[in-house]
Amino acid sequence: MDKKIPPHKEVAFQEINKQFTGDNAKQQCTRLLQALRKFSINTFEASRGLGVYHPPARILQLRQLGRCIETIWQTIEAENGDKHRVGCYVLSSGEAHE
């Protein structure tokens, strides 16, 4: 997998970050949910693109609020070349997608 966030996601992340500012857990969940309504997102993208400090915790909070989010495991390569196993999160089809 490429080390960079795809351009279409970068654009969406910038828009989401402008609209939903703040670093508290609620704002992080909001940004993450907005992104999930558009496309799948992995831990790397959520952390770097949306400023979500601990994506698995935010996903758990969204699930506890009733959101149906699936985790698909994938291996990505970080900027330094190390490979990491991360969760790729997908909002289930029962949820609203834009």
PDB file of N, CA and C in Angstrom:
ATOM      1  N   MET A   1       0.837  -1.185   0.000  1.00  0.00           N
ATOM      2  CA  MET A   1       0.000   0.000   0.000  1.00  0.00           C
ATOM      3  C   MET A   1       0.880   1.246   0.000  1.00  0.00           C
ATOM      4  N   ASP A   2       0.414   2.274  -0.663  1.00  0.00           N
ATOM      5  CA  ASP A   2       1.146   3.522  -0.748  1.00  0.00           C
ATOM      6  C   ASP A   2       1.257   4.161   0.630  1.00  0.00           C
ATOM      7  N   LYS A   3       2.353   4.883   0.830  1.00  0.00           N
ATOM      8  CA  LYS A   3       2.609   5.528   2.108  1.00  0.00           C
ATOM      9  C   LYS A   3       1.793   6.803   2.291  1.00  0.00           C
ATOM     10  N   LYS A   4       1.235   7.322   1.226  1.00  0.00           N
ATOM     11  CA  LYS A   4       0.523   8.590   1.299  1.00  0.00           C
ATOM     12  C   LYS A   4      -0.988   8.376   1.305  1.00  0.00           C
ATOM     13  N   ILE A   5      -1.675   9.363   1.828  1.00  0.00           N
ATOM     14  CA  ILE A   5      -3.138   9.360   1.794  1.00  0.00           C
ATOM     15  C   ILE A   5      -3.561   9.734   0.383  1.00  0.00           C
ATOM     16  N   PRO A   6      -4.501   8.994  -0.221  1.00  0.00           N
ATOM     17  CA  PRO A   6      -4.946   9.309  -1.584  1.00  0.00           C
ATOM     18  C   PRO A   6      -5.474  10.741  -1.690  1.00  0.00           C
ATOM     19  N   PRO A   7      -5.223  11.397  -2.829  1.00  0.00           N
ATOM     20  CA  PRO A   7      -5.611  12.804  -2.993  1.00  0.00           C
ATOM     21  C   PRO A   7      -7.090  13.089  -2.739  1.00  0.00           C
ATOM     22  N   HIS A   8      -7.990  12.213  -3.182  1.00  0.00           N
ATOM     23  CA  HIS A   8      -9.419  12.472  -2.964  1.00  0.00           C
ATOM     24  C   HIS A   8      -9.766  12.458  -1.473  1.00  0.00           C
ATOM     25  N   LYS A   9      -9.065  11.646  -0.701  1.00  0.00           N
ATOM     26  CA  LYS A   9      -9.295  11.627   0.740  1.00  0.00           C
ATOM     27  C   LYS A   9      -8.680  12.867   1.392  1.00  0.00           C
ATOM     28  N   GLU A  10      -7.506  13.283   0.932  1.00  0.00           N
ATOM     29  CA  GLU A  10      -6.871  14.492   1.470  1.00  0.00           C
ATOM     30  C   GLU A  10      -7.803  15.693   1.344  1.00  0.00           C
ATOM     31  N   VAL A  11      -8.425  15.846   0.180  1.00  0.00           N
ATOM     32  CA  VAL A  11      -9.350  16.961  -0.048  1.00  0.00           C
ATOM     33  C   VAL A  11     -10.529  16.873   0.914  1.00  0.00           C
ATOM     34  N   ALA A  12     -11.092  15.673   1.041  1.00  0.00           N
ATOM     35  CA  ALA A  12     -12.230  15.482   1.951  1.00  0.00           C
ATOM     36  C   ALA A  12     -11.826  15.748   3.398  1.00  0.00           C
ATOM     37  N   PHE A  13     -10.635  15.279   3.792  1.00  0.00           N
ATOM     38  CA  PHE A  13     -10.162  15.502   5.160  1.00  0.00           C
ATOM     39  C   PHE A  13     -10.017  16.993   5.455  1.00  0.00           C
ATOM     40  N   GLN A  14      -9.491  17.744   4.508  1.00  0.00           N
ATOM     41  CA  GLN A  14      -9.337  19.189   4.700  1.00  0.00           C
ATOM     42  C   GLN A  14     -10.690  19.846   4.935  1.00  0.00           C
ATOM     43  N   GLU A  15     -11.688  19.457   4.158  1.00  0.00           N
ATOM     44  CA  GLU A  15     -13.034  20.018   4.320  1.00  0.00           C
ATOM     45  C   GLU A  15     -13.626  19.641   5.679  1.00  0.00           C
ATOM     46  N   ILE A  16     -13.479  18.382   6.055  1.00  0.00           N
ATOM     47  CA  ILE A  16     -14.000  17.901   7.339  1.00  0.00           C
ATOM     48  C   ILE A  16     -13.300  18.621   8.494  1.00  0.00           C
ATOM     49  N   ASN A  17     -11.979  18.753   8.414  1.00  0.00           N
ATOM     50  CA  ASN A  17     -11.218  19.412   9.481  1.00  0.00           C
ATOM     51  C   ASN A  17     -11.588  20.879   9.638  1.00  0.00           C
ATOM     52  N   LYS A  18     -11.918  21.542   8.544  1.00  0.00           N
ATOM     53  CA  LYS A  18     -12.345  22.946   8.618  1.00  0.00           C
ATOM     54  C   LYS A  18     -13.716  23.061   9.284  1.00  0.00           C
ATOM     55  N   GLN A  19     -14.581  22.116   8.972  1.00  0.00           N
ATOM     56  CA  GLN A  19     -15.953  22.167   9.478  1.00  0.00           C
ATOM     57  C   GLN A  19     -16.060  21.725  10.934  1.00  0.00           C
ATOM     58  N   PHE A  20     -15.263  20.748  11.332  1.00  0.00           N
ATOM     59  CA  PHE A  20     -15.354  20.172  12.674  1.00  0.00           C
ATOM     60  C   PHE A  20     -14.008  20.299  13.381  1.00  0.00           C
ATOM     61  N   THR A  21     -13.810  21.424  14.052  1.00  0.00           N
ATOM     62  CA  THR A  21     -12.543  21.702  14.721  1.00  0.00           C
ATOM     63  C   THR A  21     -12.579  21.186  16.162  1.00  0.00           C
ATOM     64  N   GLY A  22     -11.433  21.182  16.774  1.00  0.00           N
ATOM     65  CA  GLY A  22     -11.346  20.751  18.170  1.00  0.00           C
ATOM     66  C   GLY A  22     -10.679  19.398  18.287  1.00  0.00           C
ATOM     67  N   ASP A  23     -10.107  19.140  19.471  1.00  0.00           N
ATOM     68  CA  ASP A  23      -9.395  17.881  19.640  1.00  0.00           C
ATOM     69  C   ASP A  23     -10.011  16.967  20.692  1.00  0.00           C
ATOM     70  N   ASN A  24     -11.199  17.327  21.194  1.00  0.00           N
ATOM     71  CA  ASN A  24     -11.823  16.436  22.182  1.00  0.00           C
ATOM     72  C   ASN A  24     -12.392  15.201  21.488  1.00  0.00           C
ATOM     73  N   ALA A  25     -12.693  14.190  22.274  1.00  0.00           N
ATOM     74  CA  ALA A  25     -13.146  12.911  21.727  1.00  0.00           C
ATOM     75  C   ALA A  25     -14.410  13.053  20.879  1.00  0.00           C
ATOM     76  N   LYS A  26     -15.325  13.908  21.311  1.00  0.00           N
ATOM     77  CA  LYS A  26     -16.567  14.091  20.563  1.00  0.00           C
ATOM     78  C   LYS A  26     -16.291  14.638  19.165  1.00  0.00           C
ATOM     79  N   GLN A  27     -15.421  15.632  19.064  1.00  0.00           N
ATOM     80  CA  GLN A  27     -15.088  16.205  17.757  1.00  0.00           C
ATOM     81  C   GLN A  27     -14.324  15.213  16.889  1.00  0.00           C
ATOM     82  N   GLN A  28     -13.461  14.423  17.505  1.00  0.00           N
ATOM     83  CA  GLN A  28     -12.744  13.390  16.756  1.00  0.00           C
ATOM     84  C   GLN A  28     -13.724  12.363  16.208  1.00  0.00           C
ATOM     85  N   CYS A  29     -14.694  11.963  17.014  1.00  0.00           N
ATOM     86  CA  CYS A  29     -15.723  11.019  16.549  1.00  0.00           C
ATOM     87  C   CYS A  29     -16.527  11.617  15.400  1.00  0.00           C
ATOM     88  N   THR A  30     -16.853  12.884  15.512  1.00  0.00           N
ATOM     89  CA  THR A  30     -17.623  13.547  14.466  1.00  0.00           C
ATOM     90  C   THR A  30     -16.848  13.570  13.157  1.00  0.00           C
ATOM     91  N   ARG A  31     -15.572  13.943  13.214  1.00  0.00           N
ATOM     92  CA  ARG A  31     -14.754  13.964  11.997  1.00  0.00           C
ATOM     93  C   ARG A  31     -14.650  12.572  11.391  1.00  0.00           C
ATOM     94  N   LEU A  32     -14.428  11.583  12.231  1.00  0.00           N
ATOM     95  CA  LEU A  32     -14.295  10.208  11.756  1.00  0.00           C
ATOM     96  C   LEU A  32     -15.587   9.729  11.107  1.00  0.00           C
ATOM     97  N   LEU A  33     -16.713  10.008  11.722  1.00  0.00           N
ATOM     98  CA  LEU A  33     -17.998   9.597  11.155  1.00  0.00           C
ATOM     99  C   LEU A  33     -18.262  10.293   9.812  1.00  0.00           C
ATOM    100  N   GLN A  34     -17.938  11.563   9.722  1.00  0.00           N
ATOM    101  CA  GLN A  34     -18.119  12.286   8.458  1.00  0.00           C
ATOM    102  C   GLN A  34     -17.296  11.635   7.354  1.00  0.00           C
ATOM    103  N   ALA A  35     -16.066  11.250   7.667  1.00  0.00           N
ATOM    104  CA  ALA A  35     -15.225  10.583   6.672  1.00  0.00           C
ATOM    105  C   ALA A  35     -15.790   9.215   6.303  1.00  0.00           C
ATOM    106  N   LEU A  36     -16.238   8.461   7.302  1.00  0.00           N
ATOM    107  CA  LEU A  36     -16.790   7.130   7.043  1.00  0.00           C
ATOM    108  C   LEU A  36     -18.042   7.186   6.176  1.00  0.00           C
ATOM    109  N   ARG A  37     -18.765   8.277   6.203  1.00  0.00           N
ATOM    110  CA  ARG A  37     -19.941   8.431   5.354  1.00  0.00           C
ATOM    111  C   ARG A  37     -19.553   8.599   3.883  1.00  0.00           C
ATOM    112  N   LYS A  38     -18.286   8.917   3.635  1.00  0.00           N
ATOM    113  CA  LYS A  38     -17.814   9.118   2.266  1.00  0.00           C
ATOM    114  C   LYS A  38     -17.042   7.916   1.724  1.00  0.00           C
ATOM    115  N   PHE A  39     -16.246   7.271   2.595  1.00  0.00           N
ATOM    116  CA  PHE A  39     -15.378   6.177   2.146  1.00  0.00           C
ATOM    117  C   PHE A  39     -14.831   5.421   3.348  1.00  0.00           C
ATOM    118  N   SER A  40     -14.201   4.288   3.083  1.00  0.00           N
ATOM    119  CA  SER A  40     -13.532   3.557   4.162  1.00  0.00           C
ATOM    120  C   SER A  40     -12.305   4.353   4.581  1.00  0.00           C
ATOM    121  N   ILE A  41     -11.870   4.141   5.801  1.00  0.00           N
ATOM    122  CA  ILE A  41     -10.715   4.875   6.324  1.00  0.00           C
ATOM    123  C   ILE A  41      -9.936   3.961   7.253  1.00  0.00           C
ATOM    124  N   ASN A  42      -8.616   3.972   7.124  1.00  0.00           N
ATOM    125  CA  ASN A  42      -7.818   3.130   8.016  1.00  0.00           C
ATOM    126  C   ASN A  42      -7.231   3.955   9.159  1.00  0.00           C
ATOM    127  N   THR A  43      -6.627   3.271  10.090  1.00  0.00           N
ATOM    128  CA  THR A  43      -6.077   3.911  11.285  1.00  0.00           C
ATOM    129  C   THR A  43      -5.054   4.987  10.922  1.00  0.00           C
ATOM    130  N   PHE A  44      -4.189   4.684   9.982  1.00  0.00           N
ATOM    131  CA  PHE A  44      -3.168   5.624   9.516  1.00  0.00           C
ATOM    132  C   PHE A  44      -3.826   6.904   8.992  1.00  0.00           C
ATOM    133  N   GLU A  45      -4.825   6.768   8.131  1.00  0.00           N
ATOM    134  CA  GLU A  45      -5.504   7.930   7.545  1.00  0.00           C
ATOM    135  C   GLU A  45      -6.244   8.747   8.598  1.00  0.00           C
ATOM    136  N   ALA A  46      -6.913   8.065   9.520  1.00  0.00           N
ATOM    137  CA  ALA A  46      -7.663   8.766  10.562  1.00  0.00           C
ATOM    138  C   ALA A  46      -6.731   9.575  11.455  1.00  0.00           C
ATOM    139  N   SER A  47      -5.597   8.997  11.781  1.00  0.00           N
ATOM    140  CA  SER A  47      -4.647   9.670  12.653  1.00  0.00           C
ATOM    141  C   SER A  47      -3.999  10.863  11.952  1.00  0.00           C
ATOM    142  N   ARG A  48      -3.482  10.627  10.763  1.00  0.00           N
ATOM    143  CA  ARG A  48      -2.745  11.682  10.074  1.00  0.00           C
ATOM    144  C   ARG A  48      -3.646  12.672   9.350  1.00  0.00           C
ATOM    145  N   GLY A  49      -4.728  12.199   8.791  1.00  0.00           N
ATOM    146  CA  GLY A  49      -5.596  13.064   7.996  1.00  0.00           C
ATOM    147  C   GLY A  49      -6.649  13.817   8.787  1.00  0.00           C
ATOM    148  N   LEU A  50      -7.109  13.202   9.887  1.00  0.00           N
ATOM    149  CA  LEU A  50      -8.206  13.804  10.653  1.00  0.00           C
ATOM    150  C   LEU A  50      -7.807  14.223  12.068  1.00  0.00           C
ATOM    151  N   GLY A  51      -6.574  13.948  12.453  1.00  0.00           N
ATOM    152  CA  GLY A  51      -6.150  14.313  13.799  1.00  0.00           C
ATOM    153  C   GLY A  51      -6.849  13.509  14.882  1.00  0.00           C
ATOM    154  N   VAL A  52      -7.183  12.270  14.571  1.00  0.00           N
ATOM    155  CA  VAL A  52      -7.807  11.374  15.553  1.00  0.00           C
ATOM    156  C   VAL A  52      -6.664  10.647  16.263  1.00  0.00           C
ATOM    157  N   TYR A  53      -6.486  10.948  17.547  1.00  0.00           N
ATOM    158  CA  TYR A  53      -5.316  10.472  18.278  1.00  0.00           C
ATOM    159  C   TYR A  53      -5.291   8.960  18.476  1.00  0.00           C
ATOM    160  N   HIS A  54      -6.426   8.364  18.722  1.00  0.00           N
ATOM    161  CA  HIS A  54      -6.495   6.916  18.923  1.00  0.00           C
ATOM    162  C   HIS A  54      -7.734   6.393  18.176  1.00  0.00           C
ATOM    163  N   PRO A  55      -7.595   6.168  16.871  1.00  0.00           N
ATOM    164  CA  PRO A  55      -8.756   5.769  16.073  1.00  0.00           C
ATOM    165  C   PRO A  55      -9.554   4.575  16.608  1.00  0.00           C
ATOM    166  N   PRO A  56      -8.900   3.490  17.103  1.00  0.00           N
ATOM    167  CA  PRO A  56      -9.709   2.382  17.608  1.00  0.00           C
ATOM    168  C   PRO A  56     -10.648   2.781  18.754  1.00  0.00           C
ATOM    169  N   ALA A  57     -10.203   3.692  19.599  1.00  0.00           N
ATOM    170  CA  ALA A  57     -11.057   4.147  20.704  1.00  0.00           C
ATOM    171  C   ALA A  57     -12.256   4.931  20.168  1.00  0.00           C
ATOM    172  N   ARG A  58     -12.020   5.765  19.165  1.00  0.00           N
ATOM    173  CA  ARG A  58     -13.120   6.548  18.585  1.00  0.00           C
ATOM    174  C   ARG A  58     -14.099   5.627  17.854  1.00  0.00           C
ATOM    175  N   ILE A  59     -13.598   4.606  17.177  1.00  0.00           N
ATOM    176  CA  ILE A  59     -14.472   3.636  16.515  1.00  0.00           C
ATOM    177  C   ILE A  59     -15.324   2.928  17.560  1.00  0.00           C
ATOM    178  N   LEU A  60     -14.729   2.534  18.670  1.00  0.00           N
ATOM    179  CA  LEU A  60     -15.479   1.890  19.756  1.00  0.00           C
ATOM    180  C   LEU A  60     -16.581   2.817  20.261  1.00  0.00           C
ATOM    181  N   GLN A  61     -16.262   4.090  20.449  1.00  0.00           N
ATOM    182  CA  GLN A  61     -17.280   5.036  20.916  1.00  0.00           C
ATOM    183  C   GLN A  61     -18.418   5.151  19.901  1.00  0.00           C
ATOM    184  N   LEU A  62     -18.094   5.207  18.618  1.00  0.00           N
ATOM    185  CA  LEU A  62     -19.143   5.282  17.596  1.00  0.00           C
ATOM    186  C   LEU A  62     -20.007   4.020  17.603  1.00  0.00           C
ATOM    187  N   ARG A  63     -19.386   2.870  17.792  1.00  0.00           N
ATOM    188  CA  ARG A  63     -20.151   1.612  17.874  1.00  0.00           C
ATOM    189  C   ARG A  63     -21.066   1.622  19.103  1.00  0.00           C
ATOM    190  N   GLN A  64     -20.569   2.150  20.206  1.00  0.00           N
ATOM    191  CA  GLN A  64     -21.385   2.220  21.422  1.00  0.00           C
ATOM    192  C   GLN A  64     -22.572   3.163  21.245  1.00  0.00           C
ATOM    193  N   LEU A  65     -22.454   4.083  20.305  1.00  0.00           N
ATOM    194  CA  LEU A  65     -23.568   4.984  19.980  1.00  0.00           C
ATOM    195  C   LEU A  65     -24.519   4.377  18.950  1.00  0.00           C
ATOM    196  N   GLY A  66     -24.239   3.134  18.557  1.00  0.00           N
ATOM    197  CA  GLY A  66     -25.137   2.431  17.648  1.00  0.00           C
ATOM    198  C   GLY A  66     -24.710   2.389  16.189  1.00  0.00           C
ATOM    199  N   ARG A  67     -23.555   2.934  15.864  1.00  0.00           N
ATOM    200  CA  ARG A  67     -23.075   2.895  14.484  1.00  0.00           C
ATOM    201  C   ARG A  67     -22.552   1.510  14.158  1.00  0.00           C
ATOM    202  N   CYS A  68     -22.882   1.026  12.975  1.00  0.00           N
ATOM    203  CA  CYS A  68     -22.420  -0.293  12.516  1.00  0.00           C
ATOM    204  C   CYS A  68     -21.168  -0.085  11.677  1.00  0.00           C
ATOM    205  N   ILE A  69     -20.017  -0.380  12.254  1.00  0.00           N
ATOM    206  CA  ILE A  69     -18.738  -0.171  11.592  1.00  0.00           C
ATOM    207  C   ILE A  69     -17.982  -1.489  11.569  1.00  0.00           C
ATOM    208  N   GLU A  70     -17.596  -1.898  10.375  1.00  0.00           N
ATOM    209  CA  GLU A  70     -16.850  -3.140  10.190  1.00  0.00           C
ATOM    210  C   GLU A  70     -15.360  -2.837  10.180  1.00  0.00           C
ATOM    211  N   THR A  71     -14.549  -3.752  10.713  1.00  0.00           N
ATOM    212  CA  THR A  71     -13.097  -3.620  10.666  1.00  0.00           C
ATOM    213  C   THR A  71     -12.542  -4.672   9.727  1.00  0.00           C
ATOM    214  N   ILE A  72     -11.738  -4.220   8.773  1.00  0.00           N
ATOM    215  CA  ILE A  72     -11.039  -5.106   7.852  1.00  0.00           C
ATOM    216  C   ILE A  72      -9.549  -4.850   8.077  1.00  0.00           C
ATOM    217  N   TRP A  73      -8.802  -5.898   8.371  1.00  0.00           N
ATOM    218  CA  TRP A  73      -7.379  -5.722   8.659  1.00  0.00           C
ATOM    219  C   TRP A  73      -6.580  -5.617   7.376  1.00  0.00           C
ATOM    220  N   GLN A  74      -5.614  -4.705   7.369  1.00  0.00           N
ATOM    221  CA  GLN A  74      -4.740  -4.539   6.213  1.00  0.00           C
ATOM    222  C   GLN A  74      -3.343  -4.182   6.704  1.00  0.00           C
ATOM    223  N   THR A  75      -2.375  -4.411   5.847  1.00  0.00           N
ATOM    224  CA  THR A  75      -1.000  -4.057   6.151  1.00  0.00           C
ATOM    225  C   THR A  75      -0.636  -2.842   5.322  1.00  0.00           C
ATOM    226  N   ILE A  76      -0.098  -1.833   6.007  1.00  0.00           N
ATOM    227  CA  ILE A  76       0.336  -0.623   5.311  1.00  0.00           C
ATOM    228  C   ILE A  76       1.812  -0.400   5.575  1.00  0.00           C
ATOM    229  N   GLU A  77       2.421   0.401   4.726  1.00  0.00           N
ATOM    230  CA  GLU A  77       3.811   0.771   4.909  1.00  0.00           C
ATOM    231  C   GLU A  77       3.868   2.220   5.359  1.00  0.00           C
ATOM    232  N   ALA A  78       4.511   2.468   6.481  1.00  0.00           N
ATOM    233  CA  ALA A  78       4.641   3.822   7.022  1.00  0.00           C
ATOM    234  C   ALA A  78       5.722   4.580   6.259  1.00  0.00           C
ATOM    235  N   GLU A  79       5.835   5.860   6.580  1.00  0.00           N
ATOM    236  CA  GLU A  79       6.806   6.721   5.908  1.00  0.00           C
ATOM    237  C   GLU A  79       8.235   6.197   6.022  1.00  0.00           C
ATOM    238  N   ASN A  80       8.558   5.549   7.133  1.00  0.00           N
ATOM    239  CA  ASN A  80       9.915   5.044   7.342  1.00  0.00           C
ATOM    240  C   ASN A  80      10.151   3.666   6.724  1.00  0.00           C
ATOM    241  N   GLY A  81       9.128   3.114   6.070  1.00  0.00           N
ATOM    242  CA  GLY A  81       9.265   1.816   5.412  1.00  0.00           C
ATOM    243  C   GLY A  81       8.795   0.638   6.249  1.00  0.00           C
ATOM    244  N   ASP A  82       8.534   0.868   7.538  1.00  0.00           N
ATOM    245  CA  ASP A  82       8.039  -0.222   8.387  1.00  0.00           C
ATOM    246  C   ASP A  82       6.618  -0.586   7.989  1.00  0.00           C
ATOM    247  N   LYS A  83       6.312  -1.868   8.076  1.00  0.00           N
ATOM    248  CA  LYS A  83       4.956  -2.333   7.779  1.00  0.00           C
ATOM    249  C   LYS A  83       4.183  -2.486   9.079  1.00  0.00           C
ATOM    250  N   HIS A  84       2.916  -2.089   9.030  1.00  0.00           N
ATOM    251  CA  HIS A  84       2.045  -2.141  10.200  1.00  0.00           C
ATOM    252  C   HIS A  84       0.706  -2.763   9.816  1.00  0.00           C
ATOM    253  N   ARG A  85       0.167  -3.557  10.719  1.00  0.00           N
ATOM    254  CA  ARG A  85      -1.180  -4.102  10.549  1.00  0.00           C
ATOM    255  C   ARG A  85      -2.144  -3.111  11.195  1.00  0.00           C
ATOM    256  N   VAL A  86      -3.056  -2.581  10.379  1.00  0.00           N
ATOM    257  CA  VAL A  86      -3.991  -1.582  10.879  1.00  0.00           C
ATOM    258  C   VAL A  86      -5.414  -1.959  10.498  1.00  0.00           C
ATOM    259  N   GLY A  87      -6.350  -1.390  11.229  1.00  0.00           N
ATOM    260  CA  GLY A  87      -7.755  -1.587  10.907  1.00  0.00           C
ATOM    261  C   GLY A  87      -8.181  -0.629   9.812  1.00  0.00           C
ATOM    262  N   CYS A  88      -8.962  -1.142   8.879  1.00  0.00           N
ATOM    263  CA  CYS A  88      -9.620  -0.313   7.873  1.00  0.00           C
ATOM    264  C   CYS A  88     -11.103  -0.368   8.220  1.00  0.00           C
ATOM    265  N   TYR A  89     -11.701   0.783   8.447  1.00  0.00           N
ATOM    266  CA  TYR A  89     -13.061   0.848   8.962  1.00  0.00           C
ATOM    267  C   TYR A  89     -14.035   1.205   7.855  1.00  0.00           C
ATOM    268  N   VAL A  90     -15.159   0.488   7.860  1.00  0.00           N
ATOM    269  CA  VAL A  90     -16.185   0.670   6.845  1.00  0.00           C
ATOM    270  C   VAL A  90     -17.529   0.825   7.547  1.00  0.00           C
ATOM    271  N   LEU A  91     -18.231   1.896   7.222  1.00  0.00           N
ATOM    272  CA  LEU A  91     -19.574   2.104   7.750  1.00  0.00           C
ATOM    273  C   LEU A  91     -20.502   1.159   7.012  1.00  0.00           C
ATOM    274  N   SER A  92     -21.229   0.323   7.738  1.00  0.00           N
ATOM    275  CA  SER A  92     -22.084  -0.680   7.119  1.00  0.00           C
ATOM    276  C   SER A  92     -23.137  -0.072   6.222  1.00  0.00           C
ATOM    277  N   SER A  93     -23.615  -0.854   5.282  1.00  0.00           N
ATOM    278  CA  SER A  93     -24.556  -0.371   4.280  1.00  0.00           C
ATOM    279  C   SER A  93     -25.871   0.120   4.882  1.00  0.00           C
ATOM    280  N   GLY A  94     -26.185  -0.292   6.098  1.00  0.00           N
ATOM    281  CA  GLY A  94     -27.387   0.181   6.756  1.00  0.00           C
ATOM    282  C   GLY A  94     -27.292   1.640   7.190  1.00  0.00           C
ATOM    283  N   GLU A  95     -26.080   2.174   7.200  1.00  0.00           N
ATOM    284  CA  GLU A  95     -25.849   3.559   7.567  1.00  0.00           C
ATOM    285  C   GLU A  95     -25.915   4.437   6.328  1.00  0.00           C
ATOM    286  N   ALA A  96     -26.106   5.707   6.535  1.00  0.00           N
ATOM    287  CA  ALA A  96     -26.188   6.651   5.425  1.00  0.00           C
ATOM    288  C   ALA A  96     -24.824   6.946   4.862  1.00  0.00           C
ATOM    289  N   HIS A  97     -24.672   6.812   3.544  1.00  0.00           N
ATOM    290  CA  HIS A  97     -23.449   7.188   2.833  1.00  0.00           C
ATOM    291  C   HIS A  97     -23.791   8.338   1.923  1.00  0.00           C
ATOM    292  N   GLU A  98     -22.856   9.264   1.762  1.00  0.00           N
ATOM    293  CA  GLU A  98     -23.055  10.391   0.850  1.00  0.00           C
ATOM    294  C   GLU A  98     -22.612   9.997  -0.535  1.00  0.00           C
TER     295      GLU A  98
END
